[in-house]
């Protein structure tokens, strides 16, 4: 009986251990199932255009993956750098606090319902993770983790995003994607230091 139980456990664990591959851009990586394929170029371009529409001066890099035969879950990694508008020197931590407040306000104004959210300070950066769903489409969850810091040399707010969309019924793969993320923060201005206006 005990041998049978051990065999069943091993078979069950084997079924959960689907082969995964690394997806990465400069400064961030995450793993996805090995059979995921690159996201359609049109969708990547639409996401990039949306970022540029918000701020034409933004620098943006992006890569995404999705299942070969299903619309969801799909994920993308994005790295952006935006020049903040400052009228006077402002402590790096305050610049990031302001950026996070603007993001939260934008989420509220866009009609998204926040299912869960966490925030933390990691070294010289801030991390914000949240799950949202649209009021018009309650069946889809958007899982996002953002890491932000101020560049000491660039004087820009650098943001690395790991984003994954899933159905409400099957959020597990998106959770695996976010749990696998590895973020490298480089050239960060200490949070206690002021950022000078351009």
N, C-alpha and C. Protein backbone atom coordinates (compact mmCIF):
# COMPACT_ATOMS: atom_id res chain seq x y z
N UNK A 1 0.83 -1.20 0.00
CA UNK A 1 0.00 0.00 0.00
C UNK A 1 0.87 1.26 0.00
N UNK A 2 1.92 1.22 0.85
CA UNK A 2 2.80 2.38 0.93
C UNK A 2 3.53 2.61 -0.40
N UNK A 3 3.97 1.53 -1.05
CA UNK A 3 4.66 1.64 -2.35
C UNK A 3 3.73 2.26 -3.38
N UNK A 4 2.47 1.86 -3.39
CA UNK A 4 1.50 2.39 -4.34
C UNK A 4 1.32 3.90 -4.11
N UNK A 5 1.24 4.31 -2.84
CA UNK A 5 1.08 5.72 -2.52
C UNK A 5 2.28 6.54 -3.00
N UNK A 6 3.48 6.02 -2.79
CA UNK A 6 4.71 6.70 -3.25
C UNK A 6 4.69 6.83 -4.77
N UNK A 7 4.32 5.76 -5.47
CA UNK A 7 4.25 5.79 -6.94
C UNK A 7 3.24 6.83 -7.42
N UNK A 8 2.08 6.88 -6.78
CA UNK A 8 1.06 7.85 -7.17
C UNK A 8 1.55 9.28 -6.95
N UNK A 9 2.24 9.51 -5.84
CA UNK A 9 2.80 10.84 -5.57
C UNK A 9 3.84 11.23 -6.62
N UNK A 10 4.71 10.29 -6.97
CA UNK A 10 5.75 10.56 -7.97
C UNK A 10 5.14 10.86 -9.34
N UNK A 11 4.12 10.10 -9.72
CA UNK A 11 3.44 10.34 -11.01
C UNK A 11 2.79 11.72 -11.00
N UNK A 12 2.15 12.05 -9.87
CA UNK A 12 1.50 13.36 -9.75
C UNK A 12 2.50 14.50 -9.83
N UNK A 13 3.63 14.34 -9.16
CA UNK A 13 4.66 15.37 -9.21
C UNK A 13 5.25 15.50 -10.61
N UNK A 14 5.43 14.38 -11.27
CA UNK A 14 5.96 14.40 -12.64
C UNK A 14 5.03 15.14 -13.59
N UNK A 15 3.74 14.97 -13.37
CA UNK A 15 2.76 15.63 -14.25
C UNK A 15 2.82 17.15 -14.06
N UNK A 16 3.14 17.60 -12.85
CA UNK A 16 3.21 19.04 -12.58
C UNK A 16 4.50 19.67 -13.09
N UNK A 17 5.52 18.85 -13.30
CA UNK A 17 6.84 19.36 -13.68
C UNK A 17 6.96 19.49 -15.20
N UNK A 18 6.21 20.40 -15.78
CA UNK A 18 6.28 20.64 -17.21
C UNK A 18 7.59 21.39 -17.50
N UNK A 19 8.23 21.04 -18.60
CA UNK A 19 9.49 21.70 -18.94
C UNK A 19 9.26 23.20 -19.16
N UNK A 20 10.18 24.02 -18.62
CA UNK A 20 10.04 25.46 -18.73
C UNK A 20 11.30 26.05 -19.37
N UNK A 21 11.12 27.19 -20.04
CA UNK A 21 12.24 27.87 -20.69
C UNK A 21 12.26 29.32 -20.22
N UNK A 22 13.43 29.92 -20.34
CA UNK A 22 13.65 31.29 -19.89
C UNK A 22 13.29 32.28 -21.00
N UNK A 23 12.56 33.32 -20.62
CA UNK A 23 12.29 34.47 -21.50
C UNK A 23 12.94 35.66 -20.83
N UNK A 24 13.69 36.47 -21.60
CA UNK A 24 14.37 37.58 -20.93
C UNK A 24 14.58 38.77 -21.87
N UNK A 25 14.66 39.94 -21.25
CA UNK A 25 15.20 41.14 -21.89
C UNK A 25 16.16 41.73 -20.86
N UNK A 26 16.85 42.78 -21.22
CA UNK A 26 17.86 43.36 -20.34
C UNK A 26 17.26 43.67 -18.96
N UNK A 27 17.78 43.00 -17.93
CA UNK A 27 17.38 43.31 -16.57
C UNK A 27 16.26 42.49 -15.98
N UNK A 28 15.60 41.63 -16.78
CA UNK A 28 14.50 40.84 -16.23
C UNK A 28 14.33 39.54 -17.02
N UNK A 29 14.00 38.48 -16.29
CA UNK A 29 13.70 37.20 -16.93
C UNK A 29 12.59 36.51 -16.14
N UNK A 30 11.92 35.58 -16.82
CA UNK A 30 10.90 34.74 -16.19
C UNK A 30 10.83 33.46 -17.02
N UNK A 31 10.23 32.42 -16.44
CA UNK A 31 10.11 31.17 -17.18
C UNK A 31 8.66 30.95 -17.62
N UNK A 32 8.54 30.26 -18.77
CA UNK A 32 7.22 29.88 -19.31
C UNK A 32 7.31 28.43 -19.77
N UNK A 33 6.17 27.76 -19.97
CA UNK A 33 6.21 26.41 -20.52
C UNK A 33 6.97 26.39 -21.85
N UNK A 34 7.69 25.31 -22.09
CA UNK A 34 8.56 25.21 -23.26
C UNK A 34 7.80 25.32 -24.58
N UNK A 35 6.50 24.99 -24.58
CA UNK A 35 5.76 25.04 -25.84
C UNK A 35 5.18 26.42 -26.14
N UNK A 36 5.36 27.39 -25.25
CA UNK A 36 4.88 28.75 -25.53
C UNK A 36 5.63 29.32 -26.73
N UNK A 37 4.93 30.11 -27.53
CA UNK A 37 5.50 30.70 -28.75
C UNK A 37 5.54 32.22 -28.60
N UNK A 38 6.39 32.90 -29.41
CA UNK A 38 6.43 34.37 -29.35
C UNK A 38 5.05 34.97 -29.62
N UNK A 39 4.76 36.04 -28.91
CA UNK A 39 3.50 36.74 -29.10
C UNK A 39 3.45 37.34 -30.50
N UNK A 40 2.24 37.49 -31.04
CA UNK A 40 2.09 38.07 -32.37
C UNK A 40 2.75 39.44 -32.43
N UNK A 41 3.53 39.71 -33.49
CA UNK A 41 4.21 41.02 -33.59
C UNK A 41 3.23 42.20 -33.51
N UNK A 42 2.00 41.99 -34.04
CA UNK A 42 1.01 43.07 -34.01
C UNK A 42 0.62 43.42 -32.58
N UNK A 43 0.49 42.39 -31.73
CA UNK A 43 0.12 42.64 -30.34
C UNK A 43 1.26 43.34 -29.61
N UNK A 44 2.50 42.90 -29.85
CA UNK A 44 3.66 43.54 -29.23
C UNK A 44 3.73 45.00 -29.64
N UNK A 45 3.50 45.25 -30.94
CA UNK A 45 3.54 46.62 -31.45
C UNK A 45 2.44 47.47 -30.83
N UNK A 46 1.24 46.90 -30.65
CA UNK A 46 0.13 47.63 -30.04
C UNK A 46 0.46 48.00 -28.60
N UNK A 47 1.09 47.09 -27.85
CA UNK A 47 1.48 47.37 -26.47
C UNK A 47 2.54 48.46 -26.42
N UNK A 48 3.50 48.38 -27.37
CA UNK A 48 4.56 49.40 -27.42
C UNK A 48 3.97 50.76 -27.78
N UNK A 49 3.04 50.78 -28.73
CA UNK A 49 2.39 52.04 -29.13
C UNK A 49 1.62 52.66 -27.97
N UNK A 50 0.99 51.80 -27.15
CA UNK A 50 0.24 52.31 -25.99
C UNK A 50 1.18 52.99 -25.00
N UNK A 51 2.36 52.40 -24.80
CA UNK A 51 3.36 53.01 -23.90
C UNK A 51 3.84 54.34 -24.47
N UNK A 52 4.06 54.40 -25.77
CA UNK A 52 4.54 55.63 -26.41
C UNK A 52 3.45 56.71 -26.42
N UNK A 53 2.19 56.28 -26.53
CA UNK A 53 1.08 57.24 -26.53
C UNK A 53 0.99 57.94 -25.18
N UNK A 54 1.29 57.20 -24.11
CA UNK A 54 1.26 57.79 -22.76
C UNK A 54 2.37 58.81 -22.59
N UNK A 55 3.53 58.56 -23.21
CA UNK A 55 4.66 59.49 -23.12
C UNK A 55 5.60 59.22 -24.30
N UNK A 56 5.59 60.09 -25.32
CA UNK A 56 6.43 59.87 -26.51
C UNK A 56 7.92 59.80 -26.22
N UNK A 57 8.36 60.32 -25.06
CA UNK A 57 9.79 60.30 -24.73
C UNK A 57 10.21 58.99 -24.07
N UNK A 58 9.26 58.08 -23.83
CA UNK A 58 9.57 56.85 -23.12
C UNK A 58 10.47 55.95 -23.97
N UNK A 59 11.42 55.30 -23.32
CA UNK A 59 12.22 54.26 -23.96
C UNK A 59 11.59 52.94 -23.57
N UNK A 60 11.31 52.06 -24.55
CA UNK A 60 10.59 50.83 -24.23
C UNK A 60 11.17 49.64 -24.99
N UNK A 61 11.33 48.52 -24.27
CA UNK A 61 11.72 47.24 -24.87
C UNK A 61 10.74 46.20 -24.35
N UNK A 62 10.41 45.21 -25.19
CA UNK A 62 9.37 44.27 -24.81
C UNK A 62 9.56 42.93 -25.50
N UNK A 63 9.16 41.84 -24.80
CA UNK A 63 9.14 40.51 -25.39
C UNK A 63 7.99 39.75 -24.74
N UNK A 64 7.28 38.91 -25.52
CA UNK A 64 6.13 38.20 -24.96
C UNK A 64 6.02 36.78 -25.48
N UNK A 65 5.29 35.94 -24.73
CA UNK A 65 5.05 34.54 -25.10
C UNK A 65 3.61 34.17 -24.80
N UNK A 66 3.10 33.17 -25.54
CA UNK A 66 1.74 32.69 -25.33
C UNK A 66 1.65 31.22 -25.72
N UNK A 67 0.57 30.53 -25.31
CA UNK A 67 0.42 29.14 -25.72
C UNK A 67 0.22 29.06 -27.23
N UNK A 68 0.63 27.95 -27.87
CA UNK A 68 0.52 27.86 -29.32
C UNK A 68 -0.92 27.80 -29.82
N UNK A 69 -1.84 27.19 -29.06
CA UNK A 69 -3.19 26.96 -29.56
C UNK A 69 -4.28 27.55 -28.66
N UNK A 70 -3.93 28.46 -27.77
CA UNK A 70 -4.94 29.02 -26.86
C UNK A 70 -4.72 30.51 -26.70
N UNK A 71 -5.79 31.27 -26.46
CA UNK A 71 -5.64 32.72 -26.31
C UNK A 71 -4.99 33.12 -24.99
N UNK A 72 -5.10 32.26 -23.97
CA UNK A 72 -4.53 32.59 -22.66
C UNK A 72 -4.00 31.33 -22.00
N UNK A 73 -3.06 31.49 -21.06
CA UNK A 73 -2.49 32.75 -20.57
C UNK A 73 -1.42 33.27 -21.53
N UNK A 74 -1.26 34.57 -21.58
CA UNK A 74 -0.13 35.14 -22.31
C UNK A 74 0.59 36.14 -21.42
N UNK A 75 1.88 36.29 -21.68
CA UNK A 75 2.71 37.12 -20.81
C UNK A 75 3.66 37.98 -21.61
N UNK A 76 4.11 39.05 -20.99
CA UNK A 76 5.21 39.81 -21.60
C UNK A 76 6.06 40.46 -20.53
N UNK A 77 7.31 40.70 -20.91
CA UNK A 77 8.27 41.44 -20.09
C UNK A 77 8.48 42.79 -20.76
N UNK A 78 8.53 43.84 -19.96
CA UNK A 78 8.71 45.17 -20.53
C UNK A 78 9.68 45.96 -19.68
N UNK A 79 10.51 46.71 -20.35
CA UNK A 79 11.44 47.61 -19.66
C UNK A 79 11.23 49.00 -20.23
N UNK A 80 10.98 49.98 -19.36
CA UNK A 80 10.79 51.36 -19.82
C UNK A 80 11.66 52.31 -19.01
N UNK A 81 11.93 53.46 -19.58
CA UNK A 81 12.64 54.53 -18.89
C UNK A 81 11.96 55.84 -19.28
N UNK A 82 11.46 56.57 -18.27
CA UNK A 82 10.71 57.80 -18.50
C UNK A 82 11.33 58.93 -17.71
N UNK A 83 11.41 60.09 -18.34
CA UNK A 83 11.95 61.26 -17.65
C UNK A 83 10.84 61.91 -16.82
N UNK A 84 11.01 61.98 -15.49
CA UNK A 84 9.96 62.62 -14.68
C UNK A 84 10.01 64.14 -14.83
N UNK A 85 8.86 64.78 -14.67
CA UNK A 85 8.79 66.24 -14.72
C UNK A 85 8.96 66.79 -13.32
N UNK A 86 10.06 67.48 -13.09
CA UNK A 86 10.35 68.04 -11.77
C UNK A 86 10.59 69.54 -11.88
N UNK A 87 10.05 70.28 -10.92
CA UNK A 87 10.30 71.73 -10.89
C UNK A 87 11.40 72.07 -9.89
N UNK A 88 11.71 71.11 -8.99
CA UNK A 88 12.77 71.31 -8.00
C UNK A 88 13.34 69.95 -7.64
N UNK A 89 14.51 69.90 -6.99
CA UNK A 89 15.08 68.60 -6.60
C UNK A 89 14.10 67.84 -5.71
N UNK A 90 14.02 66.54 -5.92
CA UNK A 90 13.10 65.69 -5.16
C UNK A 90 13.79 64.37 -4.84
N UNK A 91 13.68 63.95 -3.60
CA UNK A 91 14.28 62.70 -3.15
C UNK A 91 13.80 61.54 -4.03
N UNK A 92 14.73 60.65 -4.38
CA UNK A 92 14.41 59.53 -5.28
C UNK A 92 13.21 58.73 -4.77
N UNK A 93 13.13 58.49 -3.46
CA UNK A 93 12.00 57.74 -2.91
C UNK A 93 10.68 58.46 -3.16
N UNK A 94 10.69 59.81 -3.10
CA UNK A 94 9.47 60.59 -3.34
C UNK A 94 9.08 60.56 -4.82
N UNK A 95 10.09 60.54 -5.69
CA UNK A 95 9.80 60.43 -7.13
C UNK A 95 9.08 59.11 -7.41
N UNK A 96 9.58 58.03 -6.79
CA UNK A 96 8.96 56.71 -6.99
C UNK A 96 7.57 56.65 -6.35
N UNK A 97 7.42 57.24 -5.17
CA UNK A 97 6.10 57.29 -4.52
C UNK A 97 5.09 57.99 -5.43
N UNK A 98 5.52 59.09 -6.04
CA UNK A 98 4.64 59.84 -6.94
C UNK A 98 4.27 59.03 -8.17
N UNK A 99 5.26 58.30 -8.71
CA UNK A 99 5.00 57.46 -9.89
C UNK A 99 4.00 56.36 -9.56
N UNK A 100 4.15 55.74 -8.39
CA UNK A 100 3.23 54.68 -7.96
C UNK A 100 1.83 55.24 -7.74
N UNK A 101 1.74 56.43 -7.14
CA UNK A 101 0.43 57.06 -6.93
C UNK A 101 -0.27 57.34 -8.25
N UNK A 102 0.49 57.83 -9.24
CA UNK A 102 -0.08 58.08 -10.57
C UNK A 102 -0.57 56.78 -11.21
N UNK A 103 0.20 55.72 -11.04
CA UNK A 103 -0.19 54.42 -11.59
C UNK A 103 -1.49 53.92 -10.95
N UNK A 104 -1.57 54.00 -9.64
CA UNK A 104 -2.78 53.56 -8.92
C UNK A 104 -4.00 54.37 -9.35
N UNK A 105 -3.79 55.68 -9.54
CA UNK A 105 -4.90 56.54 -9.98
C UNK A 105 -5.34 56.16 -11.39
N UNK A 106 -4.35 55.88 -12.26
CA UNK A 106 -4.68 55.48 -13.63
C UNK A 106 -5.47 54.16 -13.65
N UNK A 107 -5.10 53.23 -12.77
CA UNK A 107 -5.83 51.96 -12.69
C UNK A 107 -7.27 52.20 -12.26
N UNK A 108 -7.46 53.07 -11.27
CA UNK A 108 -8.81 53.37 -10.78
C UNK A 108 -9.64 54.04 -11.87
N UNK A 109 -9.03 55.03 -12.56
CA UNK A 109 -9.76 55.77 -13.59
C UNK A 109 -10.09 54.92 -14.80
N UNK A 110 -9.31 53.87 -15.03
CA UNK A 110 -9.57 53.01 -16.19
C UNK A 110 -10.66 51.97 -15.91
N UNK A 111 -11.21 52.00 -14.70
CA UNK A 111 -12.31 51.10 -14.38
C UNK A 111 -11.89 49.70 -14.01
N UNK A 112 -10.60 49.52 -13.68
CA UNK A 112 -10.13 48.20 -13.28
C UNK A 112 -10.36 47.98 -11.79
N UNK A 113 -10.79 46.79 -11.45
CA UNK A 113 -10.99 46.42 -10.05
C UNK A 113 -9.73 45.72 -9.56
N UNK A 114 -9.17 46.19 -8.45
CA UNK A 114 -7.98 45.55 -7.87
C UNK A 114 -8.40 44.37 -7.02
N UNK A 115 -7.93 43.19 -7.42
CA UNK A 115 -8.24 41.95 -6.69
C UNK A 115 -7.28 41.79 -5.52
N UNK A 116 -6.00 42.09 -5.76
CA UNK A 116 -4.99 42.02 -4.70
C UNK A 116 -3.83 42.94 -5.07
N UNK A 117 -3.09 43.39 -4.05
CA UNK A 117 -1.94 44.26 -4.31
C UNK A 117 -0.96 44.19 -3.15
N UNK A 118 0.33 44.21 -3.49
CA UNK A 118 1.39 44.27 -2.47
C UNK A 118 2.43 45.27 -2.94
N UNK A 119 3.13 45.90 -1.99
CA UNK A 119 4.22 46.80 -2.36
C UNK A 119 5.33 46.64 -1.33
N UNK A 120 6.56 46.86 -1.80
CA UNK A 120 7.71 46.74 -0.90
C UNK A 120 8.88 47.53 -1.45
N UNK A 121 9.81 47.83 -0.56
CA UNK A 121 11.06 48.48 -0.94
C UNK A 121 12.13 47.40 -0.97
N UNK A 122 12.83 47.27 -2.10
CA UNK A 122 13.88 46.27 -2.26
C UNK A 122 15.16 47.00 -2.65
N UNK A 123 16.10 47.09 -1.73
CA UNK A 123 17.33 47.83 -2.01
C UNK A 123 17.00 49.28 -2.32
N UNK A 124 17.43 49.76 -3.48
CA UNK A 124 17.19 51.15 -3.90
C UNK A 124 16.01 51.23 -4.87
N UNK A 125 15.11 50.24 -4.82
CA UNK A 125 13.98 50.21 -5.74
C UNK A 125 12.68 49.93 -5.00
N UNK A 126 11.57 50.21 -5.66
CA UNK A 126 10.25 49.88 -5.14
C UNK A 126 9.65 48.79 -6.02
N UNK A 127 8.93 47.85 -5.40
CA UNK A 127 8.21 46.83 -6.17
C UNK A 127 6.73 46.92 -5.85
N UNK A 128 5.92 46.87 -6.90
CA UNK A 128 4.48 46.88 -6.77
C UNK A 128 3.92 45.72 -7.59
N UNK A 129 3.18 44.84 -6.93
CA UNK A 129 2.55 43.71 -7.62
C UNK A 129 1.05 43.78 -7.39
N UNK A 130 0.28 43.53 -8.44
CA UNK A 130 -1.17 43.58 -8.28
C UNK A 130 -1.85 42.67 -9.29
N UNK A 131 -3.07 42.29 -8.95
CA UNK A 131 -3.94 41.52 -9.85
C UNK A 131 -5.20 42.36 -10.03
N UNK A 132 -5.58 42.60 -11.29
CA UNK A 132 -6.78 43.39 -11.57
C UNK A 132 -7.68 42.66 -12.55
N UNK A 133 -8.94 43.10 -12.58
CA UNK A 133 -9.85 42.63 -13.63
C UNK A 133 -10.72 43.80 -14.06
N UNK A 134 -11.11 43.79 -15.32
CA UNK A 134 -11.92 44.87 -15.87
C UNK A 134 -13.38 44.68 -15.48
N UNK A 135 -14.07 45.77 -15.26
CA UNK A 135 -15.49 45.67 -14.90
C UNK A 135 -16.30 45.07 -16.05
N UNK A 136 -15.85 45.29 -17.28
CA UNK A 136 -16.58 44.77 -18.44
C UNK A 136 -16.23 43.32 -18.76
N UNK A 137 -15.05 42.87 -18.32
CA UNK A 137 -14.64 41.50 -18.60
C UNK A 137 -14.15 40.84 -17.32
N UNK A 138 -15.08 40.34 -16.54
CA UNK A 138 -14.77 39.76 -15.24
C UNK A 138 -14.08 38.41 -15.34
N UNK A 139 -13.99 37.86 -16.56
CA UNK A 139 -13.42 36.51 -16.72
C UNK A 139 -11.90 36.53 -16.85
N UNK A 140 -11.30 37.71 -17.03
CA UNK A 140 -9.85 37.81 -17.28
C UNK A 140 -9.16 38.52 -16.13
N UNK A 141 -8.04 37.96 -15.68
CA UNK A 141 -7.21 38.57 -14.65
C UNK A 141 -5.91 39.07 -15.26
N UNK A 142 -5.48 40.25 -14.85
CA UNK A 142 -4.19 40.81 -15.24
C UNK A 142 -3.28 40.75 -14.02
N UNK A 143 -2.22 39.94 -14.12
CA UNK A 143 -1.24 39.80 -13.03
C UNK A 143 -0.01 40.63 -13.42
N UNK A 144 0.37 41.59 -12.59
CA UNK A 144 1.49 42.47 -12.93
C UNK A 144 2.41 42.66 -11.73
N UNK A 145 3.72 42.60 -11.99
CA UNK A 145 4.72 42.99 -11.00
C UNK A 145 5.63 44.04 -11.64
N UNK A 146 5.77 45.17 -10.98
CA UNK A 146 6.63 46.26 -11.46
C UNK A 146 7.77 46.50 -10.48
N UNK A 147 8.97 46.68 -10.98
CA UNK A 147 10.09 47.12 -10.14
C UNK A 147 10.54 48.47 -10.70
N UNK A 148 10.63 49.48 -9.84
CA UNK A 148 10.98 50.84 -10.27
C UNK A 148 12.17 51.37 -9.51
N UNK A 149 13.00 52.13 -10.21
CA UNK A 149 14.10 52.85 -9.56
C UNK A 149 14.45 54.07 -10.38
N UNK A 150 15.17 54.99 -9.77
CA UNK A 150 15.63 56.20 -10.46
C UNK A 150 17.06 55.96 -10.88
N UNK A 151 17.36 56.20 -12.15
CA UNK A 151 18.72 56.03 -12.65
C UNK A 151 19.62 57.18 -12.22
N UNK A 152 20.74 56.85 -11.59
CA UNK A 152 21.66 57.89 -11.12
C UNK A 152 22.22 58.70 -12.28
N UNK A 153 22.55 58.03 -13.39
CA UNK A 153 23.11 58.71 -14.56
C UNK A 153 22.02 59.18 -15.52
N UNK A 154 21.01 58.33 -15.75
CA UNK A 154 19.99 58.65 -16.76
C UNK A 154 19.00 59.71 -16.27
N UNK A 155 18.83 59.82 -14.94
CA UNK A 155 17.85 60.72 -14.33
C UNK A 155 16.43 60.39 -14.81
N UNK A 156 16.21 59.13 -15.10
CA UNK A 156 14.90 58.65 -15.53
C UNK A 156 14.36 57.65 -14.51
N UNK A 157 13.05 57.47 -14.53
CA UNK A 157 12.44 56.41 -13.74
C UNK A 157 12.45 55.15 -14.61
N UNK A 158 13.19 54.16 -14.16
CA UNK A 158 13.28 52.88 -14.88
C UNK A 158 12.25 51.92 -14.28
N UNK A 159 11.49 51.27 -15.15
CA UNK A 159 10.48 50.32 -14.69
C UNK A 159 10.63 49.02 -15.46
N UNK A 160 10.70 47.94 -14.72
CA UNK A 160 10.68 46.60 -15.31
C UNK A 160 9.35 45.96 -14.93
N UNK A 161 8.63 45.47 -15.93
CA UNK A 161 7.30 44.89 -15.69
C UNK A 161 7.27 43.44 -16.14
N UNK A 162 6.63 42.61 -15.33
CA UNK A 162 6.30 41.25 -15.72
C UNK A 162 4.78 41.19 -15.68
N UNK A 163 4.17 40.95 -16.84
CA UNK A 163 2.71 40.99 -16.96
C UNK A 163 2.22 39.67 -17.52
N UNK A 164 1.10 39.17 -16.97
CA UNK A 164 0.54 37.91 -17.45
C UNK A 164 -0.98 37.99 -17.36
N UNK A 165 -1.67 37.60 -18.43
CA UNK A 165 -3.13 37.57 -18.44
C UNK A 165 -3.62 36.13 -18.41
N UNK A 166 -4.60 35.89 -17.53
CA UNK A 166 -5.15 34.55 -17.39
C UNK A 166 -6.66 34.63 -17.27
N UNK A 167 -7.31 33.48 -17.34
CA UNK A 167 -8.72 33.43 -17.00
C UNK A 167 -8.83 33.38 -15.48
N UNK A 168 -10.00 33.75 -14.96
CA UNK A 168 -10.23 33.71 -13.52
C UNK A 168 -10.13 32.26 -13.02
N UNK A 169 -10.59 31.32 -13.85
CA UNK A 169 -10.60 29.91 -13.44
C UNK A 169 -9.22 29.29 -13.40
N UNK A 170 -8.27 29.80 -14.20
CA UNK A 170 -6.95 29.17 -14.29
C UNK A 170 -5.83 30.22 -14.17
N UNK A 171 -5.61 30.73 -12.96
CA UNK A 171 -4.55 31.73 -12.77
C UNK A 171 -3.18 31.12 -12.48
N UNK A 172 -3.10 29.79 -12.37
CA UNK A 172 -1.89 29.15 -11.85
C UNK A 172 -0.65 29.43 -12.70
N UNK A 173 -0.78 29.37 -14.03
CA UNK A 173 0.40 29.57 -14.88
C UNK A 173 0.94 30.99 -14.72
N UNK A 174 0.05 31.96 -14.63
CA UNK A 174 0.52 33.34 -14.43
C UNK A 174 1.23 33.48 -13.10
N UNK A 175 0.76 32.78 -12.09
CA UNK A 175 1.43 32.83 -10.79
C UNK A 175 2.83 32.23 -10.89
N UNK A 176 2.95 31.14 -11.66
CA UNK A 176 4.27 30.52 -11.86
C UNK A 176 5.21 31.49 -12.58
N UNK A 177 4.68 32.18 -13.60
CA UNK A 177 5.50 33.16 -14.35
C UNK A 177 6.01 34.24 -13.40
N UNK A 178 5.11 34.82 -12.59
CA UNK A 178 5.53 35.89 -11.69
C UNK A 178 6.47 35.37 -10.60
N UNK A 179 6.21 34.17 -10.11
CA UNK A 179 7.09 33.60 -9.08
C UNK A 179 8.51 33.35 -9.61
N UNK A 180 8.63 33.13 -10.93
CA UNK A 180 9.94 32.81 -11.51
C UNK A 180 10.75 34.04 -11.91
N UNK A 181 10.17 35.23 -11.76
CA UNK A 181 10.85 36.44 -12.26
C UNK A 181 12.16 36.70 -11.52
N UNK A 182 13.14 37.16 -12.27
CA UNK A 182 14.42 37.59 -11.70
C UNK A 182 14.69 38.99 -12.26
N UNK A 183 14.82 39.96 -11.37
CA UNK A 183 15.01 41.35 -11.77
C UNK A 183 16.39 41.82 -11.32
N UNK A 184 17.11 42.49 -12.22
CA UNK A 184 18.41 43.06 -11.89
C UNK A 184 18.32 44.58 -11.99
N UNK A 185 18.50 45.24 -10.86
CA UNK A 185 18.48 46.71 -10.82
C UNK A 185 19.90 47.22 -10.98
N UNK A 186 20.13 48.10 -11.95
CA UNK A 186 21.48 48.63 -12.17
C UNK A 186 21.47 50.15 -12.17
N UNK A 187 22.52 50.73 -11.65
CA UNK A 187 22.71 52.19 -11.71
C UNK A 187 21.66 52.99 -10.98
N UNK A 188 21.14 52.46 -9.86
CA UNK A 188 20.07 53.15 -9.15
C UNK A 188 20.59 54.28 -8.28
N UNK A 189 19.89 55.39 -8.31
CA UNK A 189 20.16 56.50 -7.39
C UNK A 189 19.67 56.07 -6.01
N UNK A 190 20.48 56.23 -4.95
CA UNK A 190 20.00 55.88 -3.61
C UNK A 190 18.67 56.58 -3.30
N UNK A 191 17.76 55.87 -2.66
CA UNK A 191 16.43 56.40 -2.39
C UNK A 191 16.47 57.69 -1.58
N UNK A 192 17.51 57.86 -0.78
CA UNK A 192 17.60 59.05 0.07
C UNK A 192 18.19 60.25 -0.66
N UNK A 193 18.71 60.03 -1.88
CA UNK A 193 19.37 61.11 -2.62
C UNK A 193 18.37 61.89 -3.46
N UNK A 194 18.60 63.20 -3.66
CA UNK A 194 17.67 63.98 -4.49
C UNK A 194 17.95 63.78 -5.98
N UNK A 195 16.87 63.83 -6.75
CA UNK A 195 16.99 63.86 -8.22
C UNK A 195 16.83 65.30 -8.65
N UNK A 196 17.81 65.77 -9.41
CA UNK A 196 17.77 67.16 -9.86
C UNK A 196 16.90 67.28 -11.12
N UNK A 197 16.19 68.41 -11.29
CA UNK A 197 15.42 68.61 -12.53
C UNK A 197 16.34 68.65 -13.74
N UNK A 198 15.82 68.27 -14.89
CA UNK A 198 16.60 68.35 -16.14
C UNK A 198 16.69 69.79 -16.57
